[in-house]
Every structure is written in structure tokens, then in C-alpha cells.
Amino acid sequence: MGGLVLAVSGCATILSAPEEHSPRALASLQLTEQGRILLESGDPDNAISIFERAININPTNGQNYYYLSEAWLLKGNTIQAKEFNRLAEIHLEDDRGWMRRVFQQRERIEERSG
């Protein structure tokens, strides 16, 4: 579990795309940060709730899918983790740094599911 926390804590980079200057996108990013902090503190249930709210506000922010995958992985639910990892890949495909994290996450999911 310590490795998961390290993996999550190293991913605090926030994307800076033009659409993220809208009030909705900024609100989503604030929720992303709140959820990330909850996840780092070992509270995946509340983090999931926050990330779901962030997605409802801005469904194109792939970071929320990535972090949802982390939360579900922390809870031991590899099926949910795999689905959110897949969505993270779709939404983060143009960001090489995040894609590296997404692929590393996928490897961890496969190790645990298999």
C-alpha cells in the first residue's frame, strides 16, 4: 500500500489546457486537488466521491479518471480500477507525462488482478 501512496503523491501535476480556464474547469481542478489529498491520506471512499463530482463538472479532465483508478485500486477493486484507467488513457492520450503514469498504473492493476 505504501507504493500506491508514493505513486499517487508523485502525480500532483495539474494540466494547463486552454479550456481549463473556464469556471467549470477551474472548479473541477479544485475538486481534483481535494480528492488527491484525500487519496494520499488513505481515504479512498471520500476521494471517490470528490473525483466523481469533478467529472460531473468537467468530464474531459483525464486526471480525475486516473485518480479514480488509484482510489479503486487502493480499495482492491481491480475491475473498477481498470475501467477508470481506460478512461484516463482516452482523456490523457496527448500528454506524454500522464500517459507514462497511466501505463504504470495499468501494470499495477494487472499485477493485482492476476
PDB file of N, CA and C in Angstrom:
ATOM      1  N   MET A   1       0.830  -1.189   0.000  1.00  0.00           N
ATOM      2  CA  MET A   1       0.000   0.000   0.000  1.00  0.00           C
ATOM      3  C   MET A   1       0.866   1.241   0.000  1.00  0.00           C
ATOM      4  N   GLY A   2       2.041   1.201   0.618  1.00  0.00           N
ATOM      5  CA  GLY A   2       2.933   2.343   0.628  1.00  0.00           C
ATOM      6  C   GLY A   2       3.345   2.739  -0.774  1.00  0.00           C
ATOM      7  N   GLY A   3       3.531   1.745  -1.658  1.00  0.00           N
ATOM      8  CA  GLY A   3       3.892   2.047  -3.035  1.00  0.00           C
ATOM      9  C   GLY A   3       2.801   2.799  -3.756  1.00  0.00           C
ATOM     10  N   LEU A   4       1.566   2.485  -3.419  1.00  0.00           N
ATOM     11  CA  LEU A   4       0.443   3.182  -4.051  1.00  0.00           C
ATOM     12  C   LEU A   4       0.417   4.633  -3.619  1.00  0.00           C
ATOM     13  N   VAL A   5       0.651   4.885  -2.357  1.00  0.00           N
ATOM     14  CA  VAL A   5       0.652   6.256  -1.874  1.00  0.00           C
ATOM     15  C   VAL A   5       1.768   7.037  -2.550  1.00  0.00           C
ATOM     16  N   LEU A   6       2.936   6.422  -2.705  1.00  0.00           N
ATOM     17  CA  LEU A   6       4.033   7.090  -3.400  1.00  0.00           C
ATOM     18  C   LEU A   6       3.668   7.356  -4.846  1.00  0.00           C
ATOM     19  N   ALA A   7       3.018   6.407  -5.473  1.00  0.00           N
ATOM     20  CA  ALA A   7       2.619   6.599  -6.864  1.00  0.00           C
ATOM     21  C   ALA A   7       1.642   7.745  -6.994  1.00  0.00           C
ATOM     22  N   VAL A   8       0.737   7.868  -6.058  1.00  0.00           N
ATOM     23  CA  VAL A   8      -0.259   8.931  -6.100  1.00  0.00           C
ATOM     24  C   VAL A   8       0.380  10.270  -5.783  1.00  0.00           C
ATOM     25  N   SER A   9       1.227  10.312  -4.771  1.00  0.00           N
ATOM     26  CA  SER A   9       1.788  11.590  -4.344  1.00  0.00           C
ATOM     27  C   SER A   9       2.685  12.210  -5.388  1.00  0.00           C
ATOM     28  N   GLY A  10       3.249  11.430  -6.259  1.00  0.00           N
ATOM     29  CA  GLY A  10       4.102  11.975  -7.295  1.00  0.00           C
ATOM     30  C   GLY A  10       3.341  12.501  -8.490  1.00  0.00           C
ATOM     31  N   CYS A  11       2.035  12.532  -8.423  1.00  0.00           N
ATOM     32  CA  CYS A  11       1.226  12.877  -9.582  1.00  0.00           C
ATOM     33  C   CYS A  11       0.391  14.121  -9.364  1.00  0.00           C
ATOM     34  N   ALA A  12       0.932  15.083  -8.691  1.00  0.00           N
ATOM     35  CA  ALA A  12       0.154  16.271  -8.361  1.00  0.00           C
ATOM     36  C   ALA A  12       0.175  17.331  -9.452  1.00  0.00           C
ATOM     37  N   THR A  13       0.774  17.024 -10.588  1.00  0.00           N
ATOM     38  CA  THR A  13       0.842  17.996 -11.670  1.00  0.00           C
ATOM     39  C   THR A  13      -0.545  18.234 -12.248  1.00  0.00           C
ATOM     40  N   ILE A  14      -0.897  19.495 -12.396  1.00  0.00           N
ATOM     41  CA  ILE A  14      -2.190  19.853 -12.954  1.00  0.00           C
ATOM     42  C   ILE A  14      -1.995  20.303 -14.396  1.00  0.00           C
ATOM     43  N   LEU A  15      -2.821  19.781 -15.277  1.00  0.00           N
ATOM     44  CA  LEU A  15      -2.747  20.154 -16.687  1.00  0.00           C
ATOM     45  C   LEU A  15      -3.118  21.612 -16.872  1.00  0.00           C
ATOM     46  N   SER A  16      -2.668  22.200 -17.947  1.00  0.00           N
ATOM     47  CA  SER A  16      -2.942  23.608 -18.205  1.00  0.00           C
ATOM     48  C   SER A  16      -3.379  23.801 -19.649  1.00  0.00           C
ATOM     49  N   ALA A  17      -4.498  23.239 -19.997  1.00  0.00           N
ATOM     50  CA  ALA A  17      -5.037  23.385 -21.344  1.00  0.00           C
ATOM     51  C   ALA A  17      -5.953  24.607 -21.387  1.00  0.00           C
ATOM     52  N   PRO A  18      -6.143  25.211 -22.566  1.00  0.00           N
ATOM     53  CA  PRO A  18      -6.961  26.425 -22.671  1.00  0.00           C
ATOM     54  C   PRO A  18      -8.365  26.295 -22.092  1.00  0.00           C
ATOM     55  N   GLU A  19      -9.021  25.154 -22.299  1.00  0.00           N
ATOM     56  CA  GLU A  19     -10.393  25.020 -21.796  1.00  0.00           C
ATOM     57  C   GLU A  19     -10.443  24.986 -20.278  1.00  0.00           C
ATOM     58  N   GLU A  20      -9.297  24.797 -19.649  1.00  0.00           N
ATOM     59  CA  GLU A  20      -9.275  24.724 -18.198  1.00  0.00           C
ATOM     60  C   GLU A  20      -9.317  26.093 -17.542  1.00  0.00           C
ATOM     61  N   HIS A  21      -9.499  27.139 -18.333  1.00  0.00           N
ATOM     62  CA  HIS A  21      -9.624  28.478 -17.776  1.00  0.00           C
ATOM     63  C   HIS A  21     -11.079  28.836 -17.518  1.00  0.00           C
ATOM     64  N   SER A  22     -12.009  27.976 -17.915  1.00  0.00           N
ATOM     65  CA  SER A  22     -13.418  28.231 -17.657  1.00  0.00           C
ATOM     66  C   SER A  22     -13.703  28.006 -16.175  1.00  0.00           C
ATOM     67  N   PRO A  23     -14.736  28.660 -15.652  1.00  0.00           N
ATOM     68  CA  PRO A  23     -15.080  28.450 -14.230  1.00  0.00           C
ATOM     69  C   PRO A  23     -15.358  26.983 -13.905  1.00  0.00           C
ATOM     70  N   ARG A  24     -16.012  26.268 -14.809  1.00  0.00           N
ATOM     71  CA  ARG A  24     -16.302  24.848 -14.568  1.00  0.00           C
ATOM     72  C   ARG A  24     -15.011  24.045 -14.477  1.00  0.00           C
ATOM     73  N   ALA A  25     -14.094  24.312 -15.394  1.00  0.00           N
ATOM     74  CA  ALA A  25     -12.830  23.572 -15.398  1.00  0.00           C
ATOM     75  C   ALA A  25     -12.023  23.885 -14.143  1.00  0.00           C
ATOM     76  N   LEU A  26     -12.003  25.135 -13.746  1.00  0.00           N
ATOM     77  CA  LEU A  26     -11.275  25.507 -12.530  1.00  0.00           C
ATOM     78  C   LEU A  26     -11.893  24.863 -11.291  1.00  0.00           C
ATOM     79  N   ALA A  27     -13.216  24.829 -11.233  1.00  0.00           N
ATOM     80  CA  ALA A  27     -13.894  24.166 -10.109  1.00  0.00           C
ATOM     81  C   ALA A  27     -13.546  22.678 -10.089  1.00  0.00           C
ATOM     82  N   SER A  28     -13.510  22.072 -11.259  1.00  0.00           N
ATOM     83  CA  SER A  28     -13.145  20.664 -11.354  1.00  0.00           C
ATOM     84  C   SER A  28     -11.724  20.434 -10.861  1.00  0.00           C
ATOM     85  N   LEU A  29     -10.807  21.316 -11.245  1.00  0.00           N
ATOM     86  CA  LEU A  29      -9.415  21.175 -10.807  1.00  0.00           C
ATOM     87  C   LEU A  29      -9.278  21.322  -9.297  1.00  0.00           C
ATOM     88  N   GLN A  30     -10.074  22.201  -8.707  1.00  0.00           N
ATOM     89  CA  GLN A  30     -10.042  22.337  -7.243  1.00  0.00           C
ATOM     90  C   GLN A  30     -10.501  21.045  -6.579  1.00  0.00           C
ATOM     91  N   LEU A  31     -11.533  20.438  -7.135  1.00  0.00           N
ATOM     92  CA  LEU A  31     -12.004  19.159  -6.597  1.00  0.00           C
ATOM     93  C   LEU A  31     -10.953  18.068  -6.811  1.00  0.00           C
ATOM     94  N   THR A  32     -10.285  18.102  -7.961  1.00  0.00           N
ATOM     95  CA  THR A  32      -9.228  17.129  -8.226  1.00  0.00           C
ATOM     96  C   THR A  32      -8.172  17.192  -7.135  1.00  0.00           C
ATOM     97  N   GLU A  33      -7.771  18.392  -6.784  1.00  0.00           N
ATOM     98  CA  GLU A  33      -6.754  18.557  -5.749  1.00  0.00           C
ATOM     99  C   GLU A  33      -7.270  18.071  -4.394  1.00  0.00           C
ATOM    100  N   GLN A  34      -8.514  18.375  -4.058  1.00  0.00           N
ATOM    101  CA  GLN A  34      -9.095  17.894  -2.801  1.00  0.00           C
ATOM    102  C   GLN A  34      -9.111  16.365  -2.769  1.00  0.00           C
ATOM    103  N   GLY A  35      -9.538  15.772  -3.868  1.00  0.00           N
ATOM    104  CA  GLY A  35      -9.592  14.311  -3.942  1.00  0.00           C
ATOM    105  C   GLY A  35      -8.220  13.682  -3.850  1.00  0.00           C
ATOM    106  N   ARG A  36      -7.242  14.297  -4.498  1.00  0.00           N
ATOM    107  CA  ARG A  36      -5.878  13.780  -4.455  1.00  0.00           C
ATOM    108  C   ARG A  36      -5.345  13.781  -3.023  1.00  0.00           C
ATOM    109  N   ILE A  37      -5.633  14.841  -2.296  1.00  0.00           N
ATOM    110  CA  ILE A  37      -5.192  14.930  -0.900  1.00  0.00           C
ATOM    111  C   ILE A  37      -5.871  13.843  -0.057  1.00  0.00           C
ATOM    112  N   LEU A  38      -7.158  13.635  -0.270  1.00  0.00           N
ATOM    113  CA  LEU A  38      -7.866  12.566   0.446  1.00  0.00           C
ATOM    114  C   LEU A  38      -7.270  11.207   0.111  1.00  0.00           C
ATOM    115  N   LEU A  39      -6.952  11.009  -1.143  1.00  0.00           N
ATOM    116  CA  LEU A  39      -6.368   9.740  -1.570  1.00  0.00           C
ATOM    117  C   LEU A  39      -5.011   9.519  -0.910  1.00  0.00           C
ATOM    118  N   GLU A  40      -4.194  10.555  -0.890  1.00  0.00           N
ATOM    119  CA  GLU A  40      -2.878  10.461  -0.253  1.00  0.00           C
ATOM    120  C   GLU A  40      -2.995  10.165   1.241  1.00  0.00           C
ATOM    121  N   SER A  41      -4.050  10.668   1.857  1.00  0.00           N
ATOM    122  CA  SER A  41      -4.216  10.446   3.302  1.00  0.00           C
ATOM    123  C   SER A  41      -4.880   9.102   3.600  1.00  0.00           C
ATOM    124  N   GLY A  42      -5.138   8.301   2.559  1.00  0.00           N
ATOM    125  CA  GLY A  42      -5.685   6.965   2.768  1.00  0.00           C
ATOM    126  C   GLY A  42      -7.190   6.922   2.917  1.00  0.00           C
ATOM    127  N   ASP A  43      -7.893   7.859   2.308  1.00  0.00           N
ATOM    128  CA  ASP A  43      -9.356   7.925   2.393  1.00  0.00           C
ATOM    129  C   ASP A  43      -9.962   7.767   0.993  1.00  0.00           C
ATOM    130  N   PRO A  44      -9.894   6.554   0.436  1.00  0.00           N
ATOM    131  CA  PRO A  44     -10.368   6.369  -0.943  1.00  0.00           C
ATOM    132  C   PRO A  44     -11.869   6.578  -1.116  1.00  0.00           C
ATOM    133  N   ASP A  45     -12.666   6.281  -0.103  1.00  0.00           N
ATOM    134  CA  ASP A  45     -14.113   6.433  -0.246  1.00  0.00           C
ATOM    135  C   ASP A  45     -14.507   7.891  -0.477  1.00  0.00           C
ATOM    136  N   ASN A  46     -13.994   8.782   0.356  1.00  0.00           N
ATOM    137  CA  ASN A  46     -14.303  10.202   0.167  1.00  0.00           C
ATOM    138  C   ASN A  46     -13.636  10.753  -1.088  1.00  0.00           C
ATOM    139  N   ALA A  47     -12.453  10.250  -1.420  1.00  0.00           N
ATOM    140  CA  ALA A  47     -11.780  10.683  -2.640  1.00  0.00           C
ATOM    141  C   ALA A  47     -12.620  10.322  -3.864  1.00  0.00           C
ATOM    142  N   ILE A  48     -13.179   9.124  -3.877  1.00  0.00           N
ATOM    143  CA  ILE A  48     -14.021   8.692  -5.000  1.00  0.00           C
ATOM    144  C   ILE A  48     -15.189   9.654  -5.175  1.00  0.00           C
ATOM    145  N   SER A  49     -15.823  10.002  -4.095  1.00  0.00           N
ATOM    146  CA  SER A  49     -16.952  10.930  -4.161  1.00  0.00           C
ATOM    147  C   SER A  49     -16.535  12.271  -4.764  1.00  0.00           C
ATOM    148  N   ILE A  50     -15.383  12.782  -4.348  1.00  0.00           N
ATOM    149  CA  ILE A  50     -14.892  14.069  -4.852  1.00  0.00           C
ATOM    150  C   ILE A  50     -14.545  13.963  -6.338  1.00  0.00           C
ATOM    151  N   PHE A  51     -13.854  12.891  -6.736  1.00  0.00           N
ATOM    152  CA  PHE A  51     -13.479  12.742  -8.146  1.00  0.00           C
ATOM    153  C   PHE A  51     -14.714  12.590  -9.036  1.00  0.00           C
ATOM    154  N   GLU A  52     -15.738  11.909  -8.537  1.00  0.00           N
ATOM    155  CA  GLU A  52     -16.973  11.785  -9.314  1.00  0.00           C
ATOM    156  C   GLU A  52     -17.638  13.143  -9.503  1.00  0.00           C
ATOM    157  N   ARG A  53     -17.620  13.970  -8.474  1.00  0.00           N
ATOM    158  CA  ARG A  53     -18.164  15.336  -8.598  1.00  0.00           C
ATOM    159  C   ARG A  53     -17.359  16.134  -9.627  1.00  0.00           C
ATOM    160  N   ALA A  54     -16.044  15.996  -9.580  1.00  0.00           N
ATOM    161  CA  ALA A  54     -15.178  16.714 -10.519  1.00  0.00           C
ATOM    162  C   ALA A  54     -15.473  16.295 -11.961  1.00  0.00           C
ATOM    163  N   ILE A  55     -15.711  15.016 -12.169  1.00  0.00           N
ATOM    164  CA  ILE A  55     -16.028  14.519 -13.513  1.00  0.00           C
ATOM    165  C   ILE A  55     -17.375  15.048 -13.977  1.00  0.00           C
ATOM    166  N   ASN A  56     -18.331  15.139 -13.059  1.00  0.00           N
ATOM    167  CA  ASN A  56     -19.634  15.687 -13.431  1.00  0.00           C
ATOM    168  C   ASN A  56     -19.517  17.139 -13.888  1.00  0.00           C
ATOM    169  N   ILE A  57     -18.591  17.878 -13.303  1.00  0.00           N
ATOM    170  CA  ILE A  57     -18.383  19.273 -13.672  1.00  0.00           C
ATOM    171  C   ILE A  57     -17.609  19.388 -14.993  1.00  0.00           C
ATOM    172  N   ASN A  58     -16.564  18.577 -15.130  1.00  0.00           N
ATOM    173  CA  ASN A  58     -15.714  18.635 -16.322  1.00  0.00           C
ATOM    174  C   ASN A  58     -15.275  17.221 -16.705  1.00  0.00           C
ATOM    175  N   PRO A  59     -16.068  16.547 -17.528  1.00  0.00           N
ATOM    176  CA  PRO A  59     -15.770  15.151 -17.860  1.00  0.00           C
ATOM    177  C   PRO A  59     -14.546  14.948 -18.752  1.00  0.00           C
ATOM    178  N   THR A  60     -13.923  16.016 -19.235  1.00  0.00           N
ATOM    179  CA  THR A  60     -12.760  15.854 -20.107  1.00  0.00           C
ATOM    180  C   THR A  60     -11.434  15.878 -19.346  1.00  0.00           C
ATOM    181  N   ASN A  61     -11.458  16.123 -18.041  1.00  0.00           N
ATOM    182  CA  ASN A  61     -10.223  16.145 -17.258  1.00  0.00           C
ATOM    183  C   ASN A  61      -9.821  14.709 -16.924  1.00  0.00           C
ATOM    184  N   GLY A  62      -8.874  14.201 -17.675  1.00  0.00           N
ATOM    185  CA  GLY A  62      -8.446  12.816 -17.516  1.00  0.00           C
ATOM    186  C   GLY A  62      -7.787  12.507 -16.196  1.00  0.00           C
ATOM    187  N   GLN A  63      -7.280  13.522 -15.508  1.00  0.00           N
ATOM    188  CA  GLN A  63      -6.655  13.285 -14.214  1.00  0.00           C
ATOM    189  C   GLN A  63      -7.641  12.672 -13.228  1.00  0.00           C
ATOM    190  N   ASN A  64      -8.892  13.084 -13.304  1.00  0.00           N
ATOM    191  CA  ASN A  64      -9.884  12.539 -12.383  1.00  0.00           C
ATOM    192  C   ASN A  64     -10.098  11.046 -12.602  1.00  0.00           C
ATOM    193  N   TYR A  65     -10.060  10.609 -13.847  1.00  0.00           N
ATOM    194  CA  TYR A  65     -10.192   9.180 -14.133  1.00  0.00           C
ATOM    195  C   TYR A  65      -8.973   8.420 -13.606  1.00  0.00           C
ATOM    196  N   TYR A  66      -7.803   9.017 -13.783  1.00  0.00           N
ATOM    197  CA  TYR A  66      -6.580   8.405 -13.276  1.00  0.00           C
ATOM    198  C   TYR A  66      -6.671   8.226 -11.755  1.00  0.00           C
ATOM    199  N   TYR A  67      -7.039   9.298 -11.073  1.00  0.00           N
ATOM    200  CA  TYR A  67      -7.111   9.230  -9.617  1.00  0.00           C
ATOM    201  C   TYR A  67      -8.242   8.324  -9.135  1.00  0.00           C
ATOM    202  N   LEU A  68      -9.347   8.277  -9.876  1.00  0.00           N
ATOM    203  CA  LEU A  68     -10.407   7.318  -9.528  1.00  0.00           C
ATOM    204  C   LEU A  68      -9.881   5.896  -9.633  1.00  0.00           C
ATOM    205  N   SER A  69      -9.101   5.647 -10.653  1.00  0.00           N
ATOM    206  CA  SER A  69      -8.498   4.331 -10.788  1.00  0.00           C
ATOM    207  C   SER A  69      -7.605   4.025  -9.592  1.00  0.00           C
ATOM    208  N   GLU A  70      -6.813   5.007  -9.165  1.00  0.00           N
ATOM    209  CA  GLU A  70      -5.961   4.828  -7.983  1.00  0.00           C
ATOM    210  C   GLU A  70      -6.797   4.511  -6.746  1.00  0.00           C
ATOM    211  N   ALA A  71      -7.897   5.237  -6.585  1.00  0.00           N
ATOM    212  CA  ALA A  71      -8.746   5.022  -5.413  1.00  0.00           C
ATOM    213  C   ALA A  71      -9.327   3.616  -5.416  1.00  0.00           C
ATOM    214  N   TRP A  72      -9.823   3.177  -6.565  1.00  0.00           N
ATOM    215  CA  TRP A  72     -10.390   1.834  -6.631  1.00  0.00           C
ATOM    216  C   TRP A  72      -9.314   0.769  -6.444  1.00  0.00           C
ATOM    217  N   LEU A  73      -8.128   1.039  -6.928  1.00  0.00           N
ATOM    218  CA  LEU A  73      -7.026   0.112  -6.719  1.00  0.00           C
ATOM    219  C   LEU A  73      -6.684   0.021  -5.235  1.00  0.00           C
ATOM    220  N   LEU A  74      -6.686   1.155  -4.567  1.00  0.00           N
ATOM    221  CA  LEU A  74      -6.433   1.189  -3.126  1.00  0.00           C
ATOM    222  C   LEU A  74      -7.485   0.373  -2.363  1.00  0.00           C
ATOM    223  N   LYS A  75      -8.717   0.395  -2.858  1.00  0.00           N
ATOM    224  CA  LYS A  75      -9.795  -0.378  -2.228  1.00  0.00           C
ATOM    225  C   LYS A  75      -9.764  -1.854  -2.630  1.00  0.00           C
ATOM    226  N   GLY A  76      -8.878  -2.208  -3.588  1.00  0.00           N
ATOM    227  CA  GLY A  76      -8.769  -3.594  -4.014  1.00  0.00           C
ATOM    228  C   GLY A  76      -9.734  -3.991  -5.114  1.00  0.00           C
ATOM    229  N   ASN A  77     -10.412  -3.031  -5.720  1.00  0.00           N
ATOM    230  CA  ASN A  77     -11.371  -3.318  -6.784  1.00  0.00           C
ATOM    231  C   ASN A  77     -10.693  -3.091  -8.137  1.00  0.00           C
ATOM    232  N   THR A  78     -10.064  -4.142  -8.644  1.00  0.00           N
ATOM    233  CA  THR A  78      -9.304  -4.011  -9.888  1.00  0.00           C
ATOM    234  C   THR A  78     -10.199  -3.855 -11.118  1.00  0.00           C
ATOM    235  N   ILE A  79     -11.424  -4.315 -11.045  1.00  0.00           N
ATOM    236  CA  ILE A  79     -12.341  -4.153 -12.183  1.00  0.00           C
ATOM    237  C   ILE A  79     -12.652  -2.674 -12.395  1.00  0.00           C
ATOM    238  N   GLN A  80     -13.014  -1.985 -11.324  1.00  0.00           N
ATOM    239  CA  GLN A  80     -13.275  -0.548 -11.419  1.00  0.00           C
ATOM    240  C   GLN A  80     -11.992   0.209 -11.770  1.00  0.00           C
ATOM    241  N   ALA A  81     -10.884  -0.179 -11.151  1.00  0.00           N
ATOM    242  CA  ALA A  81      -9.609   0.478 -11.424  1.00  0.00           C
ATOM    243  C   ALA A  81      -9.251   0.370 -12.898  1.00  0.00           C
ATOM    244  N   LYS A  82      -9.483  -0.781 -13.482  1.00  0.00           N
ATOM    245  CA  LYS A  82      -9.165  -0.990 -14.900  1.00  0.00           C
ATOM    246  C   LYS A  82     -10.032  -0.103 -15.789  1.00  0.00           C
ATOM    247  N   GLU A  83     -11.310   0.012 -15.471  1.00  0.00           N
ATOM    248  CA  GLU A  83     -12.211   0.837 -16.277  1.00  0.00           C
ATOM    249  C   GLU A  83     -11.816   2.312 -16.230  1.00  0.00           C
ATOM    250  N   PHE A  84     -11.500   2.820 -15.032  1.00  0.00           N
ATOM    251  CA  PHE A  84     -11.121   4.228 -14.941  1.00  0.00           C
ATOM    252  C   PHE A  84      -9.737   4.472 -15.538  1.00  0.00           C
ATOM    253  N   ASN A  85      -8.869   3.471 -15.504  1.00  0.00           N
ATOM    254  CA  ASN A  85      -7.579   3.592 -16.169  1.00  0.00           C
ATOM    255  C   ASN A  85      -7.787   3.719 -17.677  1.00  0.00           C
ATOM    256  N   ARG A  86      -8.724   2.948 -18.209  1.00  0.00           N
ATOM    257  CA  ARG A  86      -9.036   3.012 -19.644  1.00  0.00           C
ATOM    258  C   ARG A  86      -9.544   4.405 -20.010  1.00  0.00           C
ATOM    259  N   LEU A  87     -10.407   4.968 -19.185  1.00  0.00           N
ATOM    260  CA  LEU A  87     -10.923   6.316 -19.442  1.00  0.00           C
ATOM    261  C   LEU A  87      -9.831   7.375 -19.304  1.00  0.00           C
ATOM    262  N   ALA A  88      -8.931   7.179 -18.349  1.00  0.00           N
ATOM    263  CA  ALA A  88      -7.806   8.107 -18.203  1.00  0.00           C
ATOM    264  C   ALA A  88      -6.960   8.104 -19.471  1.00  0.00           C
ATOM    265  N   GLU A  89      -6.730   6.927 -20.010  1.00  0.00           N
ATOM    266  CA  GLU A  89      -5.936   6.835 -21.239  1.00  0.00           C
ATOM    267  C   GLU A  89      -6.593   7.609 -22.381  1.00  0.00           C
ATOM    268  N   ILE A  90      -7.885   7.499 -22.510  1.00  0.00           N
ATOM    269  CA  ILE A  90      -8.610   8.214 -23.566  1.00  0.00           C
ATOM    270  C   ILE A  90      -8.436   9.723 -23.411  1.00  0.00           C
ATOM    271  N   HIS A  91      -8.588  10.214 -22.198  1.00  0.00           N
ATOM    272  CA  HIS A  91      -8.589  11.657 -21.968  1.00  0.00           C
ATOM    273  C   HIS A  91      -7.193  12.268 -21.810  1.00  0.00           C
ATOM    274  N   LEU A  92      -6.200  11.432 -21.584  1.00  0.00           N
ATOM    275  CA  LEU A  92      -4.846  11.942 -21.386  1.00  0.00           C
ATOM    276  C   LEU A  92      -3.897  11.555 -22.516  1.00  0.00           C
ATOM    277  N   GLU A  93      -4.437  11.025 -23.597  1.00  0.00           N
ATOM    278  CA  GLU A  93      -3.592  10.475 -24.658  1.00  0.00           C
ATOM    279  C   GLU A  93      -2.613  11.474 -25.262  1.00  0.00           C
ATOM    280  N   ASP A  94      -2.878  12.756 -25.180  1.00  0.00           N
ATOM    281  CA  ASP A  94      -1.994  13.765 -25.758  1.00  0.00           C
ATOM    282  C   ASP A  94      -0.932  14.277 -24.787  1.00  0.00           C
ATOM    283  N   ASP A  95      -0.895  13.734 -23.593  1.00  0.00           N
ATOM    284  CA  ASP A  95       0.064  14.187 -22.587  1.00  0.00           C
ATOM    285  C   ASP A  95       1.011  13.033 -22.249  1.00  0.00           C
ATOM    286  N   ARG A  96       2.225  13.121 -22.732  1.00  0.00           N
ATOM    287  CA  ARG A  96       3.185  12.016 -22.573  1.00  0.00           C
ATOM    288  C   ARG A  96       3.475  11.704 -21.110  1.00  0.00           C
ATOM    289  N   GLY A  97       3.604  12.735 -20.288  1.00  0.00           N
ATOM    290  CA  GLY A  97       3.895  12.506 -18.872  1.00  0.00           C
ATOM    291  C   GLY A  97       2.786  11.744 -18.173  1.00  0.00           C
ATOM    292  N   TRP A  98       1.562  12.159 -18.420  1.00  0.00           N
ATOM    293  CA  TRP A  98       0.428  11.471 -17.802  1.00  0.00           C
ATOM    294  C   TRP A  98       0.250  10.079 -18.394  1.00  0.00           C
ATOM    295  N   MET A  99       0.532   9.920 -19.686  1.00  0.00           N
ATOM    296  CA  MET A  99       0.383   8.593 -20.285  1.00  0.00           C
ATOM    297  C   MET A  99       1.374   7.608 -19.666  1.00  0.00           C
ATOM    298  N   ARG A 100       2.551   8.072 -19.329  1.00  0.00           N
ATOM    299  CA  ARG A 100       3.516   7.203 -18.648  1.00  0.00           C
ATOM    300  C   ARG A 100       2.914   6.720 -17.329  1.00  0.00           C
ATOM    301  N   ARG A 101       2.289   7.637 -16.596  1.00  0.00           N
ATOM    302  CA  ARG A 101       1.649   7.273 -15.325  1.00  0.00           C
ATOM    303  C   ARG A 101       0.489   6.305 -15.543  1.00  0.00           C
ATOM    304  N   VAL A 102      -0.293   6.557 -16.593  1.00  0.00           N
ATOM    305  CA  VAL A 102      -1.431   5.690 -16.904  1.00  0.00           C
ATOM    306  C   VAL A 102      -0.946   4.273 -17.202  1.00  0.00           C
ATOM    307  N   PHE A 103       0.130   4.135 -17.984  1.00  0.00           N
ATOM    308  CA  PHE A 103       0.652   2.806 -18.312  1.00  0.00           C
ATOM    309  C   PHE A 103       1.246   2.119 -17.083  1.00  0.00           C
ATOM    310  N   GLN A 104       1.908   2.871 -16.227  1.00  0.00           N
ATOM    311  CA  GLN A 104       2.435   2.291 -14.983  1.00  0.00           C
ATOM    312  C   GLN A 104       1.284   1.832 -14.088  1.00  0.00           C
ATOM    313  N   GLN A 105       0.237   2.629 -14.059  1.00  0.00           N
ATOM    314  CA  GLN A 105      -0.936   2.264 -13.274  1.00  0.00           C
ATOM    315  C   GLN A 105      -1.548   0.974 -13.820  1.00  0.00           C
ATOM    316  N   ARG A 106      -1.662   0.884 -15.143  1.00  0.00           N
ATOM    317  CA  ARG A 106      -2.220  -0.316 -15.759  1.00  0.00           C
ATOM    318  C   ARG A 106      -1.422  -1.551 -15.374  1.00  0.00           C
ATOM    319  N   GLU A 107      -0.091  -1.422 -15.344  1.00  0.00           N
ATOM    320  CA  GLU A 107       0.739  -2.543 -14.939  1.00  0.00           C
ATOM    321  C   GLU A 107       0.447  -2.967 -13.508  1.00  0.00           C
ATOM    322  N   ARG A 108       0.275  -2.002 -12.620  1.00  0.00           N
ATOM    323  CA  ARG A 108      -0.044  -2.326 -11.225  1.00  0.00           C
ATOM    324  C   ARG A 108      -1.410  -3.000 -11.120  1.00  0.00           C
ATOM    325  N   ILE A 109      -2.364  -2.537 -11.930  1.00  0.00           N
ATOM    326  CA  ILE A 109      -3.694  -3.151 -11.917  1.00  0.00           C
ATOM    327  C   ILE A 109      -3.597  -4.596 -12.376  1.00  0.00           C
ATOM    328  N   GLU A 110      -2.867  -4.822 -13.452  1.00  0.00           N
ATOM    329  CA  GLU A 110      -2.730  -6.179 -13.983  1.00  0.00           C
ATOM    330  C   GLU A 110      -2.028  -7.107 -12.996  1.00  0.00           C
ATOM    331  N   GLU A 111      -1.018  -6.578 -12.298  1.00  0.00           N
ATOM    332  CA  GLU A 111      -0.325  -7.385 -11.287  1.00  0.00           C
ATOM    333  C   GLU A 111      -1.266  -7.824 -10.173  1.00  0.00           C
ATOM    334  N   ARG A 112      -2.173  -6.935  -9.784  1.00  0.00           N
ATOM    335  CA  ARG A 112      -3.067  -7.237  -8.673  1.00  0.00           C
ATOM    336  C   ARG A 112      -4.277  -8.064  -9.088  1.00  0.00           C
ATOM    337  N   SER A 113      -4.628  -7.994 -10.372  1.00  0.00           N
ATOM    338  CA  SER A 113      -5.821  -8.733 -10.801  1.00  0.00           C
ATOM    339  C   SER A 113      -5.488 -10.138 -11.279  1.00  0.00           C
ATOM    340  N   GLY A 114      -4.227 -10.398 -11.410  1.00  0.00           N
ATOM    341  CA  GLY A 114      -3.928 -11.567 -11.965  1.00  0.00           C
ATOM    342  C   GLY A 114      -3.406 -12.800 -11.778  1.00  0.00           C
TER     343      GLY A 114
END
